[in-house]
């Protein structure tokens, strides 16, 4: 008997474009690739809103305010009645309502369809509420996904999730055709400059001030060096404190007389612009301050395009930059950042070797390859649920 090929109906729960959020971009990129896989219908989205409303497109089947607790129950009941075969929950503590986002459990505990949870943050020292949420989601889900090998161990040893339910899948990177580094530098007006860059939403946790201070020492021996900070202020930060952090950085540049060596590009970058900003760079920098950061989409992008990466030793960077794929500088230490930057600028052969090592890993992280791994897990999960239901019947 030949089993009939049924197309999988998958939905994603989380933030979604045009909401300005890295997780929203992650979901968009993943479902764009799943749409190209023959045994999947175009995935749909249940979008989580903050206190704003958004003009979503046709991919969004439902949306709700993250702070309205009753909506979580309504969404669960509607999903149970729908033709959705499996739900993928994008988990981040800050995007769901309640204490540490515990309203999400109201939804998860009422689902009768299977779900996979993608953990974008895995804390080694969670609060009791954070522990409860992660452990319960892991217990109820048919699969828990994390994006670093170190957090696979944490999900099991700290949160008690069974190892056979945990999968590690790298953060995806979009494939965008672009010009060479030299051509892009010329087009942007940076020919004959050595480019250090950082991209992403600007917020105090990014540690940009320490990178700017590092550029003072870099400038002394490499006056052609240019640090470009790409991206607008994070919407939540801007709502809470305005442009205080950005102005602090601008004032620091002026005080250190680095106007010719530090540039801010204050805009939300398109995907093409993000990739161009990386490709024209000689060094990609993530001087972040949070030691616990389990994943960084921006660092993943830097690896995807084979850049030499200098970073502070937060968890994701420590793992991803091992085996000569980058350099680690100390937290909140401009001199350490300066030393690492100069090491790369002064040793072009070392830079070339590191770029190749990074690119070798980056080629495995393109979204078309990552989506196939998600597709395989979804197929397996839907099949297992079908078999369980069949045995009960």
Protein backbone atom coordinates (compact mmCIF):
# COMPACT_ATOMS: atom_id res chain seq x y z
CA UNK A 1 0.00 0.00 0.00
CA UNK A 2 1.47 3.31 -1.08
CA UNK A 3 0.99 6.10 1.43
CA UNK A 4 -0.63 9.14 -0.12
CA UNK A 5 1.53 12.26 -0.01
CA UNK A 6 -0.33 14.85 2.02
CA UNK A 7 0.89 18.41 2.06
CA UNK A 8 1.78 19.66 5.52
CA UNK A 9 -0.15 22.61 6.89
CA UNK A 10 2.15 24.44 9.28
CA UNK A 11 1.60 27.63 11.27
CA UNK A 12 4.11 29.80 13.12
CA UNK A 13 3.43 31.70 16.34
CA UNK A 14 5.56 34.75 17.07
CA UNK A 15 6.27 38.27 15.91
CA UNK A 16 6.04 38.98 12.19
CA UNK A 17 6.88 41.72 9.72
CA UNK A 18 6.23 44.62 9.45
CA UNK A 19 6.80 44.59 13.24
CA UNK A 20 10.45 45.59 13.60
CA UNK A 21 11.94 42.60 15.38
CA UNK A 22 14.76 40.20 14.60
CA UNK A 23 12.55 37.23 15.43
CA UNK A 24 9.97 38.48 12.91
CA UNK A 25 12.63 38.49 10.20
CA UNK A 26 13.70 34.98 11.25
CA UNK A 27 10.14 33.69 10.79
CA UNK A 28 9.73 35.42 7.45
CA UNK A 29 12.97 33.96 6.08
CA UNK A 30 12.11 30.45 7.26
CA UNK A 31 8.59 30.35 5.86
CA UNK A 32 9.79 31.79 2.54
CA UNK A 33 11.99 28.72 2.13
CA UNK A 34 9.36 26.25 3.38
CA UNK A 35 7.00 27.56 0.69
CA UNK A 36 9.43 26.17 -1.91
CA UNK A 37 9.30 22.61 -0.51
CA UNK A 38 6.83 20.51 -2.50
CA UNK A 39 5.05 18.71 0.34
CA UNK A 40 4.27 21.91 2.29
CA UNK A 41 1.43 24.31 1.73
CA UNK A 42 2.44 27.97 2.19
CA UNK A 43 2.94 28.32 5.97
CA UNK A 44 0.71 30.72 7.88
CA UNK A 45 1.40 32.94 10.86
CA UNK A 46 -0.29 33.81 14.14
CA UNK A 47 1.27 37.20 14.80
CA UNK A 48 1.86 38.51 18.31
CA UNK A 49 1.37 42.28 18.65
CA UNK A 50 2.63 44.63 21.31
CA UNK A 51 0.58 47.78 21.90
CA UNK A 52 0.71 48.64 18.20
CA UNK A 53 -1.26 47.34 15.25
CA UNK A 54 0.39 46.27 12.00
CA UNK A 55 -0.66 45.97 8.37
CA UNK A 56 0.02 42.28 7.94
CA UNK A 57 -0.15 40.51 4.60
CA UNK A 58 -2.07 37.39 3.61
CA UNK A 59 0.36 35.03 5.38
CA UNK A 60 -1.05 36.09 8.76
CA UNK A 61 -4.12 34.00 9.61
CA UNK A 62 -4.63 35.51 13.09
CA UNK A 63 -3.08 38.19 15.25
CA UNK A 64 -3.58 39.27 18.85
CA UNK A 65 -2.28 41.57 21.58
CA UNK A 66 0.41 39.88 23.67
CA UNK A 67 -1.04 41.35 26.89
CA UNK A 68 -4.60 40.01 26.44
CA UNK A 69 -4.53 36.72 28.32
CA UNK A 70 -7.88 35.44 27.06
CA UNK A 71 -6.57 35.64 23.48
CA UNK A 72 -4.10 32.83 24.12
CA UNK A 73 -6.95 30.48 24.95
CA UNK A 74 -8.96 31.63 21.93
CA UNK A 75 -6.01 31.08 19.60
CA UNK A 76 -5.45 27.55 20.95
CA UNK A 77 -9.09 26.59 20.44
CA UNK A 78 -9.14 28.02 16.92
CA UNK A 79 -5.96 26.16 16.01
CA UNK A 80 -7.45 22.91 17.32
CA UNK A 81 -10.44 23.40 15.00
CA UNK A 82 -8.33 24.41 11.99
CA UNK A 83 -6.58 22.32 9.35
CA UNK A 84 -3.15 23.18 10.82
CA UNK A 85 -1.14 19.98 11.28
CA UNK A 86 1.57 21.48 13.48
CA UNK A 87 2.39 24.77 15.19
CA UNK A 88 5.92 26.16 15.45
CA UNK A 89 6.23 28.41 18.52
CA UNK A 90 9.02 30.97 18.35
CA UNK A 91 9.95 31.48 21.99
CA UNK A 92 11.46 34.62 23.46
CA UNK A 93 10.54 35.77 26.96
CA UNK A 94 9.81 39.37 25.98
CA UNK A 95 7.23 38.84 23.24
CA UNK A 96 4.47 37.17 25.27
CA UNK A 97 2.37 38.62 28.09
CA UNK A 98 2.43 37.87 31.81
CA UNK A 99 5.41 37.30 34.07
CA UNK A 100 8.32 36.42 31.76
CA UNK A 101 5.72 35.62 29.09
CA UNK A 102 3.88 32.91 31.01
CA UNK A 103 0.57 33.61 29.20
CA UNK A 104 2.01 31.43 26.45
CA UNK A 105 1.44 28.39 28.65
CA UNK A 106 -2.33 29.06 28.52
CA UNK A 107 -2.10 28.42 24.80
CA UNK A 108 0.38 25.53 24.86
CA UNK A 109 -1.52 23.57 27.50
CA UNK A 110 -4.76 23.71 25.48
CA UNK A 111 -3.37 22.66 22.11
CA UNK A 112 -4.45 19.28 20.79
CA UNK A 113 -2.32 19.61 17.65
CA UNK A 114 1.42 18.93 17.99
CA UNK A 115 3.86 21.80 18.31
CA UNK A 116 7.57 22.44 18.03
CA UNK A 117 9.18 25.18 20.12
CA UNK A 118 12.21 27.16 18.93
CA UNK A 119 14.10 28.58 21.91
CA UNK A 120 15.84 31.83 20.96
CA UNK A 121 17.07 32.32 24.54
CA UNK A 122 18.26 29.58 26.90
CA UNK A 123 19.32 30.91 30.30
CA UNK A 124 21.75 29.08 32.58
CA UNK A 125 20.39 30.84 35.68
CA UNK A 126 16.66 31.28 35.06
CA UNK A 127 14.21 32.74 37.55
CA UNK A 128 11.68 30.20 38.89
CA UNK A 129 9.09 31.52 36.42
CA UNK A 130 11.47 31.35 33.46
CA UNK A 131 12.41 27.81 34.45
CA UNK A 132 8.74 26.83 34.67
CA UNK A 133 7.97 28.21 31.21
CA UNK A 134 10.87 26.55 29.40
CA UNK A 135 10.51 23.23 31.20
CA UNK A 136 6.75 23.09 30.55
CA UNK A 137 7.09 24.02 26.88
CA UNK A 138 9.75 21.35 26.51
CA UNK A 139 7.53 18.79 28.20
CA UNK A 140 4.48 19.56 26.04
CA UNK A 141 6.26 20.00 22.71
CA UNK A 142 7.08 17.16 20.38
CA UNK A 143 10.45 18.78 19.67
CA UNK A 144 12.56 21.59 21.15
CA UNK A 145 14.96 23.41 18.84
CA UNK A 146 17.98 25.45 19.87
CA UNK A 147 20.63 27.14 17.75
CA UNK A 148 23.84 26.28 19.60
CA UNK A 149 25.31 22.99 20.75
CA UNK A 150 25.99 24.29 24.26
CA UNK A 151 22.32 25.00 24.86
CA UNK A 152 21.35 21.44 23.92
CA UNK A 153 23.04 20.35 27.13
CA UNK A 154 21.38 23.16 29.10
CA UNK A 155 17.87 22.25 27.95
CA UNK A 156 18.43 18.74 29.28
CA UNK A 157 20.46 19.28 32.45
CA UNK A 158 18.83 22.51 33.65
CA UNK A 159 15.28 22.21 32.33
CA UNK A 160 14.87 18.44 32.27
CA UNK A 161 13.87 18.16 28.62
CA UNK A 162 14.51 14.69 27.23
CA UNK A 163 17.55 14.57 24.98
CA UNK A 164 15.66 12.74 22.23
CA UNK A 165 13.31 15.71 21.98
CA UNK A 166 16.07 18.32 21.50
CA UNK A 167 17.54 19.29 18.13
CA UNK A 168 20.22 21.83 17.26
CA UNK A 169 19.65 23.73 14.02
CA UNK A 170 21.82 26.71 13.14
CA UNK A 171 20.35 30.19 12.77
CA UNK A 172 19.68 30.65 9.07
CA UNK A 173 21.32 33.18 6.77
CA UNK A 174 19.69 34.58 3.60
CA UNK A 175 21.47 34.05 0.30
CA UNK A 176 21.75 37.34 -1.56
CA UNK A 177 23.82 37.81 -4.71
CA UNK A 178 26.02 40.86 -4.41
CA UNK A 179 29.13 42.55 -5.79
CA UNK A 180 32.66 41.99 -4.52
CA UNK A 181 34.04 43.75 -1.45
CA UNK A 182 36.10 46.12 -3.59
CA UNK A 183 33.18 47.09 -5.84
CA UNK A 184 30.86 47.65 -2.89
CA UNK A 185 33.43 49.79 -1.09
CA UNK A 186 33.77 51.92 -4.20
CA UNK A 187 30.01 52.21 -4.64
CA UNK A 188 29.47 53.29 -1.03
CA UNK A 189 32.37 55.74 -1.17
CA UNK A 190 34.72 53.71 1.04
CA UNK A 191 37.42 52.74 -1.48
CA UNK A 192 40.85 52.24 0.10
CA UNK A 193 39.36 52.13 3.61
CA UNK A 194 39.63 49.18 6.01
CA UNK A 195 36.06 48.65 7.17
CA UNK A 196 34.95 47.45 10.59
CA UNK A 197 31.18 47.16 10.94
CA UNK A 198 28.29 46.30 13.23
CA UNK A 199 24.66 46.06 12.15
CA UNK A 200 21.33 45.60 13.90
CA UNK A 201 18.99 47.52 16.18
CA UNK A 202 20.91 49.95 18.37
CA UNK A 203 20.52 49.51 22.14
CA UNK A 204 22.72 49.98 25.23
CA UNK A 205 23.45 46.24 25.48
CA UNK A 206 25.35 46.28 22.19
CA UNK A 207 28.49 47.80 23.73
CA UNK A 208 29.15 50.10 20.77
CA UNK A 209 30.80 52.69 23.02
CA UNK A 210 33.68 50.30 23.74
CA UNK A 211 34.21 49.69 20.01
CA UNK A 212 34.29 53.45 19.40
CA UNK A 213 36.91 53.90 22.10
CA UNK A 214 38.92 51.09 20.51
CA UNK A 215 38.94 53.01 17.23
CA UNK A 216 41.08 55.74 18.83
CA UNK A 217 43.99 53.31 19.09
CA UNK A 218 43.25 51.73 15.72
CA UNK A 219 43.27 55.17 14.06
CA UNK A 220 46.78 55.89 15.35
CA UNK A 221 48.33 53.16 13.19
CA UNK A 222 45.59 52.81 10.56
CA UNK A 223 44.19 56.27 9.83
CA UNK A 224 42.23 54.75 6.92
CA UNK A 225 40.21 52.52 9.29
CA UNK A 226 36.46 53.18 9.38
CA UNK A 227 33.90 51.78 11.82
CA UNK A 228 30.36 51.78 10.41
CA UNK A 229 27.43 51.28 12.77
CA UNK A 230 24.47 50.26 10.62
CA UNK A 231 20.92 50.36 11.94
CA UNK A 232 18.24 52.37 13.69
CA UNK A 233 17.57 52.45 17.41
CA UNK A 234 15.55 49.48 18.66
CA UNK A 235 11.84 50.48 18.63
CA UNK A 236 11.33 49.48 22.27
CA UNK A 237 14.42 51.42 23.37
CA UNK A 238 13.33 54.45 21.37
CA UNK A 239 9.88 54.32 22.94
CA UNK A 240 11.33 54.14 26.44
CA UNK A 241 14.33 56.51 26.33
CA UNK A 242 14.30 58.06 22.87
CA UNK A 243 17.68 58.53 21.18
CA UNK A 244 19.69 59.00 24.38
CA UNK A 245 22.03 56.08 23.65
CA UNK A 246 22.68 57.08 20.04
CA UNK A 247 23.39 60.67 21.09
CA UNK A 248 25.78 59.40 23.74
CA UNK A 249 27.68 57.54 21.01
CA UNK A 250 27.70 60.55 18.69
CA UNK A 251 29.05 62.72 21.51
CA UNK A 252 31.76 60.14 22.22
CA UNK A 253 32.86 60.19 18.58
CA UNK A 254 33.12 63.98 18.72
CA UNK A 255 35.03 63.98 22.01
CA UNK A 256 37.56 61.46 20.65
CA UNK A 257 37.81 63.34 17.32
CA UNK A 258 36.83 60.25 15.35
CA UNK A 259 34.43 61.89 12.90
CA UNK A 260 36.50 60.55 10.00
CA UNK A 261 36.72 57.06 11.50
CA UNK A 262 33.21 56.30 12.79
CA UNK A 263 29.99 56.59 10.77
CA UNK A 264 26.37 55.93 11.81
CA UNK A 265 23.81 54.78 9.26
CA UNK A 266 20.53 55.48 11.06
CA UNK A 267 18.01 53.42 9.12
CA UNK A 268 16.27 50.05 9.03
CA UNK A 269 18.30 48.07 6.53
CA UNK A 270 16.76 45.96 3.81
CA UNK A 271 18.00 42.39 3.56
CA UNK A 272 20.08 43.36 0.55
CA UNK A 273 21.64 46.27 2.45
CA UNK A 274 22.44 44.02 5.42
CA UNK A 275 24.33 41.62 3.17
CA UNK A 276 26.10 44.45 1.37
CA UNK A 277 27.18 45.93 4.71
CA UNK A 278 28.77 42.60 5.58
CA UNK A 279 30.38 41.89 2.23
CA UNK A 280 32.11 45.29 2.09
CA UNK A 281 33.50 44.79 5.61
CA UNK A 282 36.97 43.59 6.46
CA UNK A 283 35.99 42.87 10.07
CA UNK A 284 32.57 42.29 11.60
CA UNK A 285 32.27 43.31 15.25
CA UNK A 286 29.83 42.27 17.99
CA UNK A 287 31.03 43.91 21.24
CA UNK A 288 27.89 42.87 23.10
CA UNK A 289 27.64 43.04 26.89
CA UNK A 290 25.33 40.12 27.73
CA UNK A 291 27.36 37.03 28.66
CA UNK A 292 24.30 34.74 28.46
CA UNK A 293 23.34 35.52 24.86
CA UNK A 294 22.62 32.10 23.38
CA UNK A 295 22.16 33.18 19.77
CA UNK A 296 22.88 36.24 17.63
CA UNK A 297 21.32 36.61 14.22
CA UNK A 298 23.81 39.32 13.29
CA UNK A 299 26.79 37.14 14.15
CA UNK A 300 25.22 34.27 12.22
CA UNK A 301 24.96 36.54 9.18
CA UNK A 302 28.63 37.50 9.56
CA UNK A 303 29.58 33.83 9.53
CA UNK A 304 27.31 33.15 6.58
CA UNK A 305 29.24 35.64 4.47
CA UNK A 306 32.69 34.59 5.62
CA UNK A 307 33.75 37.72 7.47
CA UNK A 308 36.46 37.80 10.10
CA UNK A 309 34.54 38.33 13.33
CA UNK A 310 35.75 39.96 16.52
CA UNK A 311 33.40 39.59 19.45
CA UNK A 312 33.09 39.67 23.18
CA UNK A 313 32.85 36.13 24.62
CA UNK A 314 29.10 35.75 25.04
CA UNK A 315 27.92 32.16 24.78
CA UNK A 316 26.98 32.05 21.10
CA UNK A 317 30.15 33.83 20.00
CA UNK A 318 32.39 31.53 22.05
CA UNK A 319 30.94 28.49 20.30
CA UNK A 320 30.65 29.86 16.78
CA UNK A 321 34.10 31.48 16.66
CA UNK A 322 35.98 28.39 17.84
CA UNK A 323 38.56 26.67 15.63
CA UNK A 324 40.01 29.91 14.28
CA UNK A 325 36.81 31.45 12.91
CA UNK A 326 37.26 34.69 14.83
CA UNK A 327 38.79 36.47 17.81
CA UNK A 328 37.35 37.02 21.27
CA UNK A 329 37.99 40.25 23.16
CA UNK A 330 37.17 40.98 26.78
CA UNK A 331 33.85 42.47 27.83
CA UNK A 332 33.80 46.27 28.26
CA UNK A 333 37.47 46.48 27.28
CA UNK A 334 38.36 48.93 24.46
CA UNK A 335 42.04 47.99 24.59
CA UNK A 336 41.24 44.31 24.08
CA UNK A 337 39.04 45.16 21.09
CA UNK A 338 41.74 47.43 19.69
CA UNK A 339 44.37 44.68 19.97
CA UNK A 340 42.15 42.21 18.12
CA UNK A 341 41.30 44.68 15.34
CA UNK A 342 44.96 45.55 14.82
CA UNK A 343 45.90 41.87 14.79
CA UNK A 344 43.66 41.36 11.75
CA UNK A 345 44.58 44.60 9.99
CA UNK A 346 48.31 43.96 10.45
CA UNK A 347 48.19 40.34 9.26
CA UNK A 348 46.35 40.01 5.91
CA UNK A 349 47.34 36.35 5.52
CA UNK A 350 45.76 35.54 8.89
CA UNK A 351 42.65 37.45 7.84
CA UNK A 352 42.39 35.42 4.64
CA UNK A 353 42.72 32.09 6.50
CA UNK A 354 40.08 33.09 9.05
CA UNK A 355 37.67 34.21 6.35
CA UNK A 356 37.91 30.81 4.67
CA UNK A 357 37.29 28.94 7.92
CA UNK A 358 34.29 31.11 8.68
CA UNK A 359 32.90 30.72 5.17
CA UNK A 360 33.21 26.93 5.37
CA UNK A 361 30.76 26.93 8.29
CA UNK A 362 28.67 29.75 6.82
CA UNK A 363 27.87 27.75 3.69
CA UNK A 364 26.02 25.22 5.86
CA UNK A 365 23.87 27.96 7.42
CA UNK A 366 22.06 29.32 4.36
CA UNK A 367 18.29 29.36 4.80
CA UNK A 368 17.62 26.92 1.97
CA UNK A 369 19.65 24.28 3.85
CA UNK A 370 18.32 25.19 7.29
CA UNK A 371 14.69 25.06 6.08
CA UNK A 372 15.21 21.47 4.92
CA UNK A 373 16.22 20.52 8.46
CA UNK A 374 13.08 22.16 9.85
CA UNK A 375 11.00 20.42 7.18
CA UNK A 376 12.39 17.01 8.16
CA UNK A 377 11.53 17.60 11.84
CA UNK A 378 8.04 18.80 10.96
CA UNK A 379 7.39 15.73 8.80
CA UNK A 380 8.62 13.43 11.57
CA UNK A 381 6.51 15.19 14.21
CA UNK A 382 3.32 15.15 12.14
CA UNK A 383 3.85 11.47 11.27
CA UNK A 384 4.43 10.54 14.91
CA UNK A 385 1.27 12.35 15.99
CA UNK A 386 -0.72 10.59 13.24
CA UNK A 387 0.59 7.21 14.40
CA UNK A 388 -0.28 8.00 18.05
CA UNK A 389 -3.81 9.00 17.10
CA UNK A 390 -4.17 5.88 14.94
CA UNK A 391 -3.10 3.61 17.78
CA UNK A 392 -5.61 5.26 20.14
CA UNK A 393 -8.39 4.81 17.63
